[in-house]
Amino acid sequence: MASVAEVRAAVDAALQQVTAGQAREKLGEAQQSLAAALDGSANDAVGAAHASLSQADQQLEECLGATLLAVEQAQTYTATL
């Protein structure tokens, strides 16, 4: 069984990897790049691509909320160790 210090270190390391803001930032960059590349196009596929990225953004927002809740719970747990 891991020591308390090892558990805290492992949780801290995991939480540092939870930089979900970076994923949101990259998605925003992808949306901007797509918009610039396809500016003025009325093709249905372009509209579908924009809609898909918008849906991905919404789902990522939900994922970020769940991730932040998990982070808070992990921090609460390590605070009790």
Protein backbone atom coordinates (compact mmCIF):
# COMPACT_ATOMS: atom_id res chain seq x y z
CA MET A 1 0.00 0.00 0.00
CA ALA A 2 1.25 3.49 -0.85
CA SER A 3 2.19 5.93 1.87
CA VAL A 4 0.20 9.11 2.43
CA ALA A 5 3.00 11.14 0.85
CA GLU A 6 3.00 8.89 -2.21
CA VAL A 7 -0.79 9.20 -2.57
CA ARG A 8 -0.60 12.98 -2.26
CA ALA A 9 2.22 13.14 -4.79
CA ALA A 10 0.33 10.93 -7.23
CA VAL A 11 -2.85 13.00 -6.88
CA ASP A 12 -0.90 16.25 -7.30
CA ALA A 13 0.81 14.88 -10.41
CA ALA A 14 -2.54 13.83 -11.86
CA LEU A 15 -4.10 17.21 -11.11
CA GLN A 16 -1.24 19.00 -12.84
CA GLN A 17 -2.07 17.06 -15.98
CA VAL A 18 -5.64 18.32 -15.83
CA THR A 19 -5.01 21.43 -17.84
CA ALA A 20 -8.27 21.20 -19.70
CA GLY A 21 -8.07 24.88 -20.57
CA GLN A 22 -5.44 23.96 -23.13
CA ALA A 23 -7.86 21.67 -24.93
CA ARG A 24 -10.46 24.43 -25.07
CA GLU A 25 -7.87 26.84 -26.36
CA LYS A 26 -6.82 24.44 -29.13
CA LEU A 27 -10.43 23.92 -30.16
CA GLY A 28 -10.91 27.68 -30.37
CA GLU A 29 -7.81 27.95 -32.54
CA ALA A 30 -9.17 25.21 -34.81
CA GLN A 31 -12.48 27.05 -35.16
CA GLN A 32 -10.70 30.29 -36.05
CA SER A 33 -8.46 28.56 -38.57
CA LEU A 34 -11.42 26.84 -40.19
CA ALA A 35 -13.37 30.08 -40.35
CA ALA A 36 -10.45 31.90 -41.97
CA ALA A 37 -9.75 29.11 -44.45
CA LEU A 38 -13.36 28.74 -45.52
CA ASP A 39 -14.48 32.36 -45.30
CA GLY A 40 -17.20 33.12 -47.80
CA SER A 41 -17.99 29.53 -48.70
CA ALA A 42 -21.65 28.59 -48.69
CA ASN A 43 -21.01 24.87 -49.14
CA ASP A 44 -23.09 22.61 -46.89
CA ALA A 45 -19.97 20.76 -45.75
CA VAL A 46 -18.52 24.03 -44.41
CA GLY A 47 -21.66 24.64 -42.35
CA ALA A 48 -21.54 21.08 -41.09
CA ALA A 49 -17.88 21.48 -40.10
CA HIS A 50 -18.67 24.66 -38.16
CA ALA A 51 -21.62 22.94 -36.46
CA SER A 52 -19.46 19.96 -35.51
CA LEU A 53 -16.81 22.19 -33.96
CA SER A 54 -19.49 24.11 -32.10
CA GLN A 55 -20.91 20.85 -30.75
CA ALA A 56 -17.42 19.72 -29.73
CA ASP A 57 -16.97 23.01 -27.88
CA GLN A 58 -20.21 22.48 -25.96
CA GLN A 59 -19.29 18.90 -25.08
CA LEU A 60 -15.81 19.98 -24.01
CA GLU A 61 -17.38 22.57 -21.72
CA GLU A 62 -19.40 19.79 -20.07
CA CYS A 63 -16.28 17.67 -19.79
CA LEU A 64 -14.38 20.55 -18.19
CA GLY A 65 -17.10 20.90 -15.59
CA ALA A 66 -16.87 17.22 -14.71
CA THR A 67 -13.07 17.42 -14.65
CA LEU A 68 -13.08 20.41 -12.31
CA LEU A 69 -15.47 18.58 -10.00
CA ALA A 70 -13.12 15.58 -9.98
CA VAL A 71 -10.19 17.89 -9.19
CA GLU A 72 -12.08 19.43 -6.27
CA GLN A 73 -12.96 15.99 -4.93
CA ALA A 74 -9.37 14.81 -5.23
CA GLN A 75 -8.15 17.93 -3.44
CA THR A 76 -10.71 17.38 -0.68
CA TYR A 77 -9.51 13.81 -0.31
CA THR A 78 -5.83 14.73 -0.12
CA ALA A 79 -6.63 17.45 2.40
CA THR A 80 -7.97 14.76 4.73
CA LEU A 81 -4.81 12.64 4.51
